Amino acid sequence: MKLLRGEGWRIGLRSDVDVYKGLVGADGWAIELTEDEFKDFCKLATQLAETMQLMSTELSDGEKISCTLETEDISLEVDGYPDAFRLHLQILKGRRLEGLWAAEAVPFLLEAIAKLI
């Protein structure tokens, strides 16, 4: 398993198992994800980060924004400022989970996603 981690985040990918190939988490929680869930997570997190950067030109100083993207399996929401936002995950099918990454951890998590995909 290739596991990347830092303060307030962790993400991993494993190709030698059948069902739960991915892992995401923070300091107090983690969940294994199916390959499709993991791909959705990485794609949506990247899209939301890009959206936040695009919105920075549309917002006034100090204005916060919230944005959500969903697939059939997961929902990801960002909340905060374009340069400092939290990331909230919900698993929508099968087992249930809600998890949150603090704004301080999100940039590092996004860097790790880029290394894994």
PDB file of N, CA and C in Angstrom:
ATOM      1  N   MET A   1       0.848  -1.178   0.000  1.00  0.00           N
ATOM      2  CA  MET A   1       0.000   0.000   0.000  1.00  0.00           C
ATOM      3  C   MET A   1       0.887   1.232   0.000  1.00  0.00           C
ATOM      4  N   LYS A   2       0.534   2.143  -0.862  1.00  0.00           N
ATOM      5  CA  LYS A   2       1.206   3.437  -0.856  1.00  0.00           C
ATOM      6  C   LYS A   2       0.367   4.360   0.009  1.00  0.00           C
ATOM      7  N   LEU A   3       0.873   4.685   1.200  1.00  0.00           N
ATOM      8  CA  LEU A   3       0.149   5.521   2.149  1.00  0.00           C
ATOM      9  C   LEU A   3       0.917   6.822   2.350  1.00  0.00           C
ATOM     10  N   LEU A   4       0.219   7.918   2.104  1.00  0.00           N
ATOM     11  CA  LEU A   4       0.780   9.241   2.335  1.00  0.00           C
ATOM     12  C   LEU A   4       0.040   9.844   3.508  1.00  0.00           C
ATOM     13  N   ARG A   5       0.764  10.551   4.367  1.00  0.00           N
ATOM     14  CA  ARG A   5       0.113  11.120   5.544  1.00  0.00           C
ATOM     15  C   ARG A   5       0.844  12.357   6.026  1.00  0.00           C
ATOM     16  N   GLY A   6       0.102  13.149   6.760  1.00  0.00           N
ATOM     17  CA  GLY A   6       0.652  14.348   7.365  1.00  0.00           C
ATOM     18  C   GLY A   6      -0.256  14.747   8.513  1.00  0.00           C
ATOM     19  N   GLU A   7      -0.027  15.911   9.046  1.00  0.00           N
ATOM     20  CA  GLU A   7      -0.822  16.371  10.174  1.00  0.00           C
ATOM     21  C   GLU A   7      -2.260  16.638   9.732  1.00  0.00           C
ATOM     22  N   GLY A   8      -3.181  15.818  10.235  1.00  0.00           N
ATOM     23  CA  GLY A   8      -4.601  16.005   9.950  1.00  0.00           C
ATOM     24  C   GLY A   8      -5.113  15.343   8.691  1.00  0.00           C
ATOM     25  N   TRP A   9      -4.281  14.522   8.023  1.00  0.00           N
ATOM     26  CA  TRP A   9      -4.741  13.859   6.805  1.00  0.00           C
ATOM     27  C   TRP A   9      -3.940  12.589   6.541  1.00  0.00           C
ATOM     28  N   ARG A  10      -4.560  11.695   5.773  1.00  0.00           N
ATOM     29  CA  ARG A  10      -3.884  10.516   5.241  1.00  0.00           C
ATOM     30  C   ARG A  10      -4.684   9.998   4.051  1.00  0.00           C
ATOM     31  N   ILE A  11      -3.982   9.425   3.106  1.00  0.00           N
ATOM     32  CA  ILE A  11      -4.607   8.873   1.913  1.00  0.00           C
ATOM     33  C   ILE A  11      -3.712   7.761   1.389  1.00  0.00           C
ATOM     34  N   GLY A  12      -4.328   6.691   0.950  1.00  0.00           N
ATOM     35  CA  GLY A  12      -3.539   5.570   0.462  1.00  0.00           C
ATOM     36  C   GLY A  12      -4.245   4.822  -0.641  1.00  0.00           C
ATOM     37  N   LEU A  13      -3.448   4.098  -1.393  1.00  0.00           N
ATOM     38  CA  LEU A  13      -3.967   3.306  -2.506  1.00  0.00           C
ATOM     39  C   LEU A  13      -3.250   1.975  -2.520  1.00  0.00           C
ATOM     40  N   ARG A  14      -4.029   0.933  -2.729  1.00  0.00           N
ATOM     41  CA  ARG A  14      -3.497  -0.419  -2.698  1.00  0.00           C
ATOM     42  C   ARG A  14      -4.075  -1.185  -3.890  1.00  0.00           C
ATOM     43  N   SER A  15      -3.233  -1.770  -4.696  1.00  0.00           N
ATOM     44  CA  SER A  15      -3.708  -2.472  -5.887  1.00  0.00           C
ATOM     45  C   SER A  15      -3.810  -3.978  -5.700  1.00  0.00           C
ATOM     46  N   ASP A  16      -3.301  -4.504  -4.599  1.00  0.00           N
ATOM     47  CA  ASP A  16      -3.243  -5.955  -4.422  1.00  0.00           C
ATOM     48  C   ASP A  16      -4.428  -6.547  -3.664  1.00  0.00           C
ATOM     49  N   VAL A  17      -5.508  -5.785  -3.504  1.00  0.00           N
ATOM     50  CA  VAL A  17      -6.703  -6.295  -2.833  1.00  0.00           C
ATOM     51  C   VAL A  17      -7.894  -6.200  -3.780  1.00  0.00           C
ATOM     52  N   ASP A  18      -8.954  -6.931  -3.477  1.00  0.00           N
ATOM     53  CA  ASP A  18     -10.089  -7.000  -4.380  1.00  0.00           C
ATOM     54  C   ASP A  18     -11.101  -5.871  -4.202  1.00  0.00           C
ATOM     55  N   VAL A  19     -11.451  -5.511  -2.978  1.00  0.00           N
ATOM     56  CA  VAL A  19     -12.582  -4.604  -2.781  1.00  0.00           C
ATOM     57  C   VAL A  19     -12.141  -3.204  -2.365  1.00  0.00           C
ATOM     58  N   TYR A  20     -11.553  -3.079  -1.215  1.00  0.00           N
ATOM     59  CA  TYR A  20     -11.246  -1.753  -0.664  1.00  0.00           C
ATOM     60  C   TYR A  20      -9.802  -1.373  -0.970  1.00  0.00           C
ATOM     61  N   LYS A  21      -9.613  -0.717  -2.091  1.00  0.00           N
ATOM     62  CA  LYS A  21      -8.278  -0.384  -2.579  1.00  0.00           C
ATOM     63  C   LYS A  21      -7.773   0.960  -2.067  1.00  0.00           C
ATOM     64  N   GLY A  22      -8.662   1.847  -1.648  1.00  0.00           N
ATOM     65  CA  GLY A  22      -8.266   3.174  -1.214  1.00  0.00           C
ATOM     66  C   GLY A  22      -8.512   3.378   0.265  1.00  0.00           C
ATOM     67  N   LEU A  23      -7.838   4.367   0.817  1.00  0.00           N
ATOM     68  CA  LEU A  23      -8.044   4.751   2.206  1.00  0.00           C
ATOM     69  C   LEU A  23      -7.921   6.267   2.284  1.00  0.00           C
ATOM     70  N   VAL A  24      -8.863   6.888   2.992  1.00  0.00           N
ATOM     71  CA  VAL A  24      -8.778   8.318   3.288  1.00  0.00           C
ATOM     72  C   VAL A  24      -9.083   8.497   4.763  1.00  0.00           C
ATOM     73  N   GLY A  25      -8.539   9.551   5.345  1.00  0.00           N
ATOM     74  CA  GLY A  25      -8.819   9.795   6.745  1.00  0.00           C
ATOM     75  C   GLY A  25      -8.125  11.038   7.258  1.00  0.00           C
ATOM     76  N   ALA A  26      -8.372  11.303   8.510  1.00  0.00           N
ATOM     77  CA  ALA A  26      -7.757  12.411   9.232  1.00  0.00           C
ATOM     78  C   ALA A  26      -7.186  11.841  10.527  1.00  0.00           C
ATOM     79  N   ASP A  27      -6.978  12.679  11.540  1.00  0.00           N
ATOM     80  CA  ASP A  27      -6.370  12.183  12.769  1.00  0.00           C
ATOM     81  C   ASP A  27      -7.264  11.206  13.529  1.00  0.00           C
ATOM     82  N   GLY A  28      -8.564  11.485  13.598  1.00  0.00           N
ATOM     83  CA  GLY A  28      -9.441  10.666  14.421  1.00  0.00           C
ATOM     84  C   GLY A  28     -10.337   9.698  13.685  1.00  0.00           C
ATOM     85  N   TRP A  29     -10.168   9.557  12.371  1.00  0.00           N
ATOM     86  CA  TRP A  29     -11.028   8.663  11.621  1.00  0.00           C
ATOM     87  C   TRP A  29     -10.354   8.261  10.307  1.00  0.00           C
ATOM     88  N   ALA A  30     -10.816   7.163   9.734  1.00  0.00           N
ATOM     89  CA  ALA A  30     -10.359   6.710   8.417  1.00  0.00           C
ATOM     90  C   ALA A  30     -11.401   5.746   7.873  1.00  0.00           C
ATOM     91  N   ILE A  31     -11.443   5.628   6.556  1.00  0.00           N
ATOM     92  CA  ILE A  31     -12.321   4.657   5.918  1.00  0.00           C
ATOM     93  C   ILE A  31     -11.628   4.108   4.683  1.00  0.00           C
ATOM     94  N   GLU A  32     -11.828   2.822   4.458  1.00  0.00           N
ATOM     95  CA  GLU A  32     -11.360   2.214   3.231  1.00  0.00           C
ATOM     96  C   GLU A  32     -12.431   2.432   2.171  1.00  0.00           C
ATOM     97  N   LEU A  33     -11.987   2.716   0.953  1.00  0.00           N
ATOM     98  CA  LEU A  33     -12.893   2.989  -0.150  1.00  0.00           C
ATOM     99  C   LEU A  33     -12.712   1.967  -1.263  1.00  0.00           C
ATOM    100  N   THR A  34     -13.812   1.682  -1.974  1.00  0.00           N
ATOM    101  CA  THR A  34     -13.694   0.865  -3.169  1.00  0.00           C
ATOM    102  C   THR A  34     -12.902   1.650  -4.212  1.00  0.00           C
ATOM    103  N   GLU A  35     -12.491   0.979  -5.257  1.00  0.00           N
ATOM    104  CA  GLU A  35     -11.739   1.663  -6.307  1.00  0.00           C
ATOM    105  C   GLU A  35     -12.561   2.801  -6.922  1.00  0.00           C
ATOM    106  N   ASP A  36     -13.854   2.554  -7.182  1.00  0.00           N
ATOM    107  CA  ASP A  36     -14.713   3.599  -7.753  1.00  0.00           C
ATOM    108  C   ASP A  36     -14.888   4.770  -6.785  1.00  0.00           C
ATOM    109  N   GLU A  37     -15.098   4.478  -5.505  1.00  0.00           N
ATOM    110  CA  GLU A  37     -15.232   5.545  -4.508  1.00  0.00           C
ATOM    111  C   GLU A  37     -13.953   6.367  -4.426  1.00  0.00           C
ATOM    112  N   PHE A  38     -12.808   5.689  -4.456  1.00  0.00           N
ATOM    113  CA  PHE A  38     -11.532   6.380  -4.367  1.00  0.00           C
ATOM    114  C   PHE A  38     -11.313   7.281  -5.579  1.00  0.00           C
ATOM    115  N   LYS A  39     -11.612   6.765  -6.769  1.00  0.00           N
ATOM    116  CA  LYS A  39     -11.484   7.576  -7.985  1.00  0.00           C
ATOM    117  C   LYS A  39     -12.415   8.785  -7.916  1.00  0.00           C
ATOM    118  N   ASP A  40     -13.653   8.562  -7.474  1.00  0.00           N
ATOM    119  CA  ASP A  40     -14.600   9.675  -7.321  1.00  0.00           C
ATOM    120  C   ASP A  40     -14.081  10.702  -6.325  1.00  0.00           C
ATOM    121  N   PHE A  41     -13.559  10.235  -5.208  1.00  0.00           N
ATOM    122  CA  PHE A  41     -13.027  11.140  -4.189  1.00  0.00           C
ATOM    123  C   PHE A  41     -11.929  12.021  -4.770  1.00  0.00           C
ATOM    124  N   CYS A  42     -10.973  11.410  -5.442  1.00  0.00           N
ATOM    125  CA  CYS A  42      -9.848  12.169  -6.003  1.00  0.00           C
ATOM    126  C   CYS A  42     -10.325  13.154  -7.062  1.00  0.00           C
ATOM    127  N   LYS A  43     -11.218  12.711  -7.939  1.00  0.00           N
ATOM    128  CA  LYS A  43     -11.721  13.573  -9.009  1.00  0.00           C
ATOM    129  C   LYS A  43     -12.503  14.754  -8.436  1.00  0.00           C
ATOM    130  N   LEU A  44     -13.410  14.492  -7.506  1.00  0.00           N
ATOM    131  CA  LEU A  44     -14.232  15.559  -6.939  1.00  0.00           C
ATOM    132  C   LEU A  44     -13.406  16.527  -6.103  1.00  0.00           C
ATOM    133  N   ALA A  45     -12.473  16.012  -5.330  1.00  0.00           N
ATOM    134  CA  ALA A  45     -11.625  16.895  -4.513  1.00  0.00           C
ATOM    135  C   ALA A  45     -10.826  17.832  -5.408  1.00  0.00           C
ATOM    136  N   THR A  46     -10.297  17.310  -6.494  1.00  0.00           N
ATOM    137  CA  THR A  46      -9.530  18.125  -7.432  1.00  0.00           C
ATOM    138  C   THR A  46     -10.425  19.166  -8.102  1.00  0.00           C
ATOM    139  N   GLN A  47     -11.606  18.755  -8.522  1.00  0.00           N
ATOM    140  CA  GLN A  47     -12.543  19.690  -9.160  1.00  0.00           C
ATOM    141  C   GLN A  47     -12.975  20.795  -8.196  1.00  0.00           C
ATOM    142  N   LEU A  48     -13.242  20.439  -6.953  1.00  0.00           N
ATOM    143  CA  LEU A  48     -13.645  21.444  -5.974  1.00  0.00           C
ATOM    144  C   LEU A  48     -12.514  22.430  -5.686  1.00  0.00           C
ATOM    145  N   ALA A  49     -11.293  21.949  -5.598  1.00  0.00           N
ATOM    146  CA  ALA A  49     -10.158  22.843  -5.374  1.00  0.00           C
ATOM    147  C   ALA A  49     -10.009  23.809  -6.547  1.00  0.00           C
ATOM    148  N   GLU A  50     -10.182  23.305  -7.765  1.00  0.00           N
ATOM    149  CA  GLU A  50     -10.114  24.175  -8.942  1.00  0.00           C
ATOM    150  C   GLU A  50     -11.240  25.199  -8.920  1.00  0.00           C
ATOM    151  N   THR A  51     -12.432  24.787  -8.539  1.00  0.00           N
ATOM    152  CA  THR A  51     -13.577  25.695  -8.446  1.00  0.00           C
ATOM    153  C   THR A  51     -13.317  26.794  -7.432  1.00  0.00           C
ATOM    154  N   MET A  52     -12.744  26.429  -6.292  1.00  0.00           N
ATOM    155  CA  MET A  52     -12.445  27.435  -5.272  1.00  0.00           C
ATOM    156  C   MET A  52     -11.460  28.472  -5.814  1.00  0.00           C
ATOM    157  N   GLN A  53     -10.468  28.028  -6.554  1.00  0.00           N
ATOM    158  CA  GLN A  53      -9.500  28.967  -7.118  1.00  0.00           C
ATOM    159  C   GLN A  53     -10.155  29.876  -8.159  1.00  0.00           C
ATOM    160  N   LEU A  54     -11.024  29.313  -8.981  1.00  0.00           N
ATOM    161  CA  LEU A  54     -11.733  30.123  -9.974  1.00  0.00           C
ATOM    162  C   LEU A  54     -12.646  31.144  -9.313  1.00  0.00           C
ATOM    163  N   MET A  55     -13.267  30.754  -8.220  1.00  0.00           N
ATOM    164  CA  MET A  55     -14.200  31.653  -7.534  1.00  0.00           C
ATOM    165  C   MET A  55     -13.484  32.793  -6.815  1.00  0.00           C
ATOM    166  N   SER A  56     -12.200  32.667  -6.583  1.00  0.00           N
ATOM    167  CA  SER A  56     -11.475  33.699  -5.843  1.00  0.00           C
ATOM    168  C   SER A  56     -11.555  35.055  -6.545  1.00  0.00           C
ATOM    169  N   THR A  57     -11.673  35.063  -7.856  1.00  0.00           N
ATOM    170  CA  THR A  57     -11.773  36.333  -8.578  1.00  0.00           C
ATOM    171  C   THR A  57     -13.175  36.932  -8.509  1.00  0.00           C
ATOM    172  N   GLU A  58     -14.162  36.131  -8.135  1.00  0.00           N
ATOM    173  CA  GLU A  58     -15.550  36.579  -8.086  1.00  0.00           C
ATOM    174  C   GLU A  58     -15.983  37.046  -6.698  1.00  0.00           C
ATOM    175  N   LEU A  59     -15.213  36.709  -5.685  1.00  0.00           N
ATOM    176  CA  LEU A  59     -15.597  37.014  -4.310  1.00  0.00           C
ATOM    177  C   LEU A  59     -14.918  38.277  -3.812  1.00  0.00           C
ATOM    178  N   SER A  60     -15.594  38.961  -2.924  1.00  0.00           N
ATOM    179  CA  SER A  60     -14.962  40.110  -2.279  1.00  0.00           C
ATOM    180  C   SER A  60     -14.065  39.616  -1.145  1.00  0.00           C
ATOM    181  N   ASP A  61     -13.163  40.467  -0.697  1.00  0.00           N
ATOM    182  CA  ASP A  61     -12.254  40.090   0.389  1.00  0.00           C
ATOM    183  C   ASP A  61     -13.044  39.630   1.602  1.00  0.00           C
ATOM    184  N   GLY A  62     -12.650  38.507   2.172  1.00  0.00           N
ATOM    185  CA  GLY A  62     -13.289  38.000   3.374  1.00  0.00           C
ATOM    186  C   GLY A  62     -14.578  37.241   3.139  1.00  0.00           C
ATOM    187  N   GLU A  63     -14.963  37.055   1.887  1.00  0.00           N
ATOM    188  CA  GLU A  63     -16.210  36.338   1.597  1.00  0.00           C
ATOM    189  C   GLU A  63     -15.944  34.834   1.528  1.00  0.00           C
ATOM    190  N   LYS A  64     -16.779  34.074   2.223  1.00  0.00           N
ATOM    191  CA  LYS A  64     -16.671  32.618   2.227  1.00  0.00           C
ATOM    192  C   LYS A  64     -17.586  32.033   1.158  1.00  0.00           C
ATOM    193  N   ILE A  65     -17.292  30.781   0.801  1.00  0.00           N
ATOM    194  CA  ILE A  65     -18.102  30.079  -0.177  1.00  0.00           C
ATOM    195  C   ILE A  65     -18.217  28.614   0.231  1.00  0.00           C
ATOM    196  N   SER A  66     -19.295  27.995  -0.205  1.00  0.00           N
ATOM    197  CA  SER A  66     -19.513  26.573   0.000  1.00  0.00           C
ATOM    198  C   SER A  66     -19.916  25.977  -1.338  1.00  0.00           C
ATOM    199  N   CYS A  67     -19.389  24.812  -1.643  1.00  0.00           N
ATOM    200  CA  CYS A  67     -19.683  24.164  -2.917  1.00  0.00           C
ATOM    201  C   CYS A  67     -19.685  22.653  -2.695  1.00  0.00           C
ATOM    202  N   THR A  68     -20.628  21.960  -3.336  1.00  0.00           N
ATOM    203  CA  THR A  68     -20.758  20.513  -3.179  1.00  0.00           C
ATOM    204  C   THR A  68     -20.774  19.835  -4.537  1.00  0.00           C
ATOM    205  N   LEU A  69     -20.100  18.709  -4.638  1.00  0.00           N
ATOM    206  CA  LEU A  69     -20.167  17.836  -5.805  1.00  0.00           C
ATOM    207  C   LEU A  69     -20.484  16.433  -5.315  1.00  0.00           C
ATOM    208  N   GLU A  70     -21.276  15.709  -6.111  1.00  0.00           N
ATOM    209  CA  GLU A  70     -21.666  14.351  -5.733  1.00  0.00           C
ATOM    210  C   GLU A  70     -21.551  13.402  -6.903  1.00  0.00           C
ATOM    211  N   THR A  71     -21.318  12.149  -6.552  1.00  0.00           N
ATOM    212  CA  THR A  71     -21.503  11.042  -7.477  1.00  0.00           C
ATOM    213  C   THR A  71     -22.570  10.161  -6.844  1.00  0.00           C
ATOM    214  N   GLU A  72     -22.806   9.036  -7.439  1.00  0.00           N
ATOM    215  CA  GLU A  72     -23.769   8.095  -6.866  1.00  0.00           C
ATOM    216  C   GLU A  72     -23.297   7.573  -5.510  1.00  0.00           C
ATOM    217  N   ASP A  73     -21.973   7.532  -5.325  1.00  0.00           N
ATOM    218  CA  ASP A  73     -21.399   6.911  -4.131  1.00  0.00           C
ATOM    219  C   ASP A  73     -20.984   7.879  -3.030  1.00  0.00           C
ATOM    220  N   ILE A  74     -20.495   9.058  -3.406  1.00  0.00           N
ATOM    221  CA  ILE A  74     -19.962   9.974  -2.396  1.00  0.00           C
ATOM    222  C   ILE A  74     -20.403  11.407  -2.648  1.00  0.00           C
ATOM    223  N   SER A  75     -20.314  12.194  -1.593  1.00  0.00           N
ATOM    224  CA  SER A  75     -20.538  13.633  -1.677  1.00  0.00           C
ATOM    225  C   SER A  75     -19.339  14.320  -1.025  1.00  0.00           C
ATOM    226  N   LEU A  76     -18.824  15.343  -1.697  1.00  0.00           N
ATOM    227  CA  LEU A  76     -17.736  16.146  -1.145  1.00  0.00           C
ATOM    228  C   LEU A  76     -18.180  17.595  -1.145  1.00  0.00           C
ATOM    229  N   GLU A  77     -17.890  18.274  -0.050  1.00  0.00           N
ATOM    230  CA  GLU A  77     -18.237  19.687   0.075  1.00  0.00           C
ATOM    231  C   GLU A  77     -17.029  20.455   0.571  1.00  0.00           C
ATOM    232  N   VAL A  78     -16.805  21.626  -0.024  1.00  0.00           N
ATOM    233  CA  VAL A  78     -15.799  22.544   0.485  1.00  0.00           C
ATOM    234  C   VAL A  78     -16.518  23.726   1.103  1.00  0.00           C
ATOM    235  N   ASP A  79     -15.888  24.292   2.130  1.00  0.00           N
ATOM    236  CA  ASP A  79     -16.492  25.392   2.864  1.00  0.00           C
ATOM    237  C   ASP A  79     -15.371  26.270   3.403  1.00  0.00           C
ATOM    238  N   GLY A  80     -15.423  27.555   3.045  1.00  0.00           N
ATOM    239  CA  GLY A  80     -14.422  28.475   3.567  1.00  0.00           C
ATOM    240  C   GLY A  80     -14.027  29.502   2.538  1.00  0.00           C
ATOM    241  N   TYR A  81     -12.781  29.924   2.610  1.00  0.00           N
ATOM    242  CA  TYR A  81     -12.223  30.916   1.695  1.00  0.00           C
ATOM    243  C   TYR A  81     -11.528  30.199   0.537  1.00  0.00           C
ATOM    244  N   PRO A  82     -11.396  30.846  -0.612  1.00  0.00           N
ATOM    245  CA  PRO A  82     -10.750  30.182  -1.745  1.00  0.00           C
ATOM    246  C   PRO A  82      -9.347  29.660  -1.449  1.00  0.00           C
ATOM    247  N   ASP A  83      -8.641  30.282  -0.523  1.00  0.00           N
ATOM    248  CA  ASP A  83      -7.281  29.840  -0.202  1.00  0.00           C
ATOM    249  C   ASP A  83      -7.181  29.080   1.119  1.00  0.00           C
ATOM    250  N   ALA A  84      -8.324  28.849   1.771  1.00  0.00           N
ATOM    251  CA  ALA A  84      -8.333  28.112   3.046  1.00  0.00           C
ATOM    252  C   ALA A  84      -9.732  27.565   3.281  1.00  0.00           C
ATOM    253  N   PHE A  85      -9.932  26.296   2.916  1.00  0.00           N
ATOM    254  CA  PHE A  85     -11.268  25.712   3.037  1.00  0.00           C
ATOM    255  C   PHE A  85     -11.214  24.305   3.611  1.00  0.00           C
ATOM    256  N   ARG A  86     -12.301  23.953   4.295  1.00  0.00           N
ATOM    257  CA  ARG A  86     -12.451  22.610   4.844  1.00  0.00           C
ATOM    258  C   ARG A  86     -13.036  21.700   3.764  1.00  0.00           C
ATOM    259  N   LEU A  87     -12.808  20.415   3.922  1.00  0.00           N
ATOM    260  CA  LEU A  87     -13.336  19.417   2.998  1.00  0.00           C
ATOM    261  C   LEU A  87     -14.137  18.402   3.807  1.00  0.00           C
ATOM    262  N   HIS A  88     -15.383  18.201   3.392  1.00  0.00           N
ATOM    263  CA  HIS A  88     -16.301  17.311   4.096  1.00  0.00           C
ATOM    264  C   HIS A  88     -16.690  16.168   3.166  1.00  0.00           C
ATOM    265  N   LEU A  89     -16.555  14.941   3.624  1.00  0.00           N
ATOM    266  CA  LEU A  89     -16.861  13.733   2.854  1.00  0.00           C
ATOM    267  C   LEU A  89     -18.054  13.015   3.447  1.00  0.00           C
ATOM    268  N   GLN A  90     -18.954  12.545   2.579  1.00  0.00           N
ATOM    269  CA  GLN A  90     -20.031  11.650   2.986  1.00  0.00           C
ATOM    270  C   GLN A  90     -20.046  10.459   2.033  1.00  0.00           C
ATOM    271  N   ILE A  91     -20.130   9.257   2.598  1.00  0.00           N
ATOM    272  CA  ILE A  91     -20.338   8.053   1.805  1.00  0.00           C
ATOM    273  C   ILE A  91     -21.853   7.865   1.731  1.00  0.00           C
ATOM    274  N   LEU A  92     -22.380   7.711   0.527  1.00  0.00           N
ATOM    275  CA  LEU A  92     -23.832   7.718   0.325  1.00  0.00           C
ATOM    276  C   LEU A  92     -24.452   6.338   0.146  1.00  0.00           C
ATOM    277  N   LYS A  93     -23.659   5.341  -0.198  1.00  0.00           N
ATOM    278  CA  LYS A  93     -24.206   4.009  -0.451  1.00  0.00           C
ATOM    279  C   LYS A  93     -23.524   2.979   0.436  1.00  0.00           C
ATOM    280  N   GLY A  94     -24.264   1.919   0.741  1.00  0.00           N
ATOM    281  CA  GLY A  94     -23.688   0.847   1.550  1.00  0.00           C
ATOM    282  C   GLY A  94     -23.398   1.321   2.951  1.00  0.00           C
ATOM    283  N   ARG A  95     -22.162   1.172   3.393  1.00  0.00           N
ATOM    284  CA  ARG A  95     -21.795   1.668   4.715  1.00  0.00           C
ATOM    285  C   ARG A  95     -21.844   3.196   4.698  1.00  0.00           C
ATOM    286  N   ARG A  96     -22.039   3.809   5.826  1.00  0.00           N
ATOM    287  CA  ARG A  96     -22.179   5.272   5.910  1.00  0.00           C
ATOM    288  C   ARG A  96     -21.001   5.856   6.679  1.00  0.00           C
ATOM    289  N   LEU A  97     -20.611   7.070   6.258  1.00  0.00           N
ATOM    290  CA  LEU A  97     -19.529   7.759   6.943  1.00  0.00           C
ATOM    291  C   LEU A  97     -19.618   9.237   6.620  1.00  0.00           C
ATOM    292  N   GLU A  98     -19.241  10.044   7.589  1.00  0.00           N
ATOM    293  CA  GLU A  98     -18.980  11.457   7.364  1.00  0.00           C
ATOM    294  C   GLU A  98     -17.617  11.747   7.950  1.00  0.00           C
ATOM    295  N   GLY A  99     -16.816  12.469   7.188  1.00  0.00           N
ATOM    296  CA  GLY A  99     -15.489  12.840   7.652  1.00  0.00           C
ATOM    297  C   GLY A  99     -15.177  14.265   7.236  1.00  0.00           C
ATOM    298  N   LEU A 100     -14.264  14.890   7.957  1.00  0.00           N
ATOM    299  CA  LEU A 100     -13.934  16.287   7.719  1.00  0.00           C
ATOM    300  C   LEU A 100     -12.429  16.491   7.828  1.00  0.00           C
ATOM    301  N   TRP A 101     -11.871  17.247   6.877  1.00  0.00           N
ATOM    302  CA  TRP A 101     -10.484  17.675   6.946  1.00  0.00           C
ATOM    303  C   TRP A 101     -10.465  19.160   7.237  1.00  0.00           C
ATOM    304  N   ALA A 102      -9.641  19.574   8.171  1.00  0.00           N
ATOM    305  CA  ALA A 102      -9.477  20.989   8.518  1.00  0.00           C
ATOM    306  C   ALA A 102      -8.803  21.728   7.367  1.00  0.00           C
ATOM    307  N   ALA A 103      -9.051  23.017   7.296  1.00  0.00           N
ATOM    308  CA  ALA A 103      -8.490  23.841   6.223  1.00  0.00           C
ATOM    309  C   ALA A 103      -6.964  23.746   6.175  1.00  0.00           C
ATOM    310  N   GLU A 104      -6.319  23.592   7.308  1.00  0.00           N
ATOM    311  CA  GLU A 104      -4.855  23.510   7.350  1.00  0.00           C
ATOM    312  C   GLU A 104      -4.344  22.232   6.687  1.00  0.00           C
ATOM    313  N   ALA A 105      -5.144  21.175   6.673  1.00  0.00           N
ATOM    314  CA  ALA A 105      -4.713  19.894   6.122  1.00  0.00           C
ATOM    315  C   ALA A 105      -5.034  19.753   4.633  1.00  0.00           C
ATOM    316  N   VAL A 106      -6.034  20.467   4.148  1.00  0.00           N
ATOM    317  CA  VAL A 106      -6.530  20.266   2.782  1.00  0.00           C
ATOM    318  C   VAL A 106      -5.460  20.472   1.704  1.00  0.00           C
ATOM    319  N   PRO A 107      -4.644  21.529   1.750  1.00  0.00           N
ATOM    320  CA  PRO A 107      -3.634  21.675   0.687  1.00  0.00           C
ATOM    321  C   PRO A 107      -2.685  20.479   0.577  1.00  0.00           C
ATOM    322  N   PHE A 108      -2.326  19.911   1.710  1.00  0.00           N
ATOM    323  CA  PHE A 108      -1.431  18.758   1.715  1.00  0.00           C
ATOM    324  C   PHE A 108      -2.131  17.509   1.202  1.00  0.00           C
ATOM    325  N   LEU A 109      -3.410  17.353   1.551  1.00  0.00           N
ATOM    326  CA  LEU A 109      -4.199  16.240   1.034  1.00  0.00           C
ATOM    327  C   LEU A 109      -4.322  16.349  -0.484  1.00  0.00           C
ATOM    328  N   LEU A 110      -4.573  17.537  -0.998  1.00  0.00           N
ATOM    329  CA  LEU A 110      -4.683  17.742  -2.443  1.00  0.00           C
ATOM    330  C   LEU A 110      -3.361  17.445  -3.153  1.00  0.00           C
ATOM    331  N   GLU A 111      -2.241  17.819  -2.554  1.00  0.00           N
ATOM    332  CA  GLU A 111      -0.929  17.482  -3.117  1.00  0.00           C
ATOM    333  C   GLU A 111      -0.748  15.969  -3.178  1.00  0.00           C
ATOM    334  N   ALA A 112      -1.171  15.282  -2.126  1.00  0.00           N
ATOM    335  CA  ALA A 112      -1.037  13.823  -2.089  1.00  0.00           C
ATOM    336  C   ALA A 112      -1.927  13.172  -3.145  1.00  0.00           C
ATOM    337  N   ILE A 113      -3.113  13.692  -3.347  1.00  0.00           N
ATOM    338  CA  ILE A 113      -3.998  13.164  -4.387  1.00  0.00           C
ATOM    339  C   ILE A 113      -3.305  13.257  -5.744  1.00  0.00           C
ATOM    340  N   ALA A 114      -2.686  14.390  -6.014  1.00  0.00           N
ATOM    341  CA  ALA A 114      -2.001  14.588  -7.292  1.00  0.00           C
ATOM    342  C   ALA A 114      -0.867  13.564  -7.473  1.00  0.00           C
ATOM    343  N   LYS A 115      -0.241  13.149  -6.403  1.00  0.00           N
ATOM    344  CA  LYS A 115       0.826  12.157  -6.485  1.00  0.00           C
ATOM    345  C   LYS A 115       0.285  10.755  -6.744  1.00  0.00           C
ATOM    346  N   LEU A 116      -0.947  10.494  -6.292  1.00  0.00           N
ATOM    347  CA  LEU A 116      -1.514   9.154  -6.409  1.00  0.00           C
ATOM    348  C   LEU A 116      -2.253   8.914  -7.722  1.00  0.00           C
ATOM    349  N   ILE A 117      -2.713   9.989  -8.361  1.00  0.00           N
ATOM    350  CA  ILE A 117      -3.499   9.765  -9.585  1.00  0.00           C
ATOM    351  C   ILE A 117      -2.692   9.999 -10.841  1.00  0.00           C
TER     352      ILE A 117
END
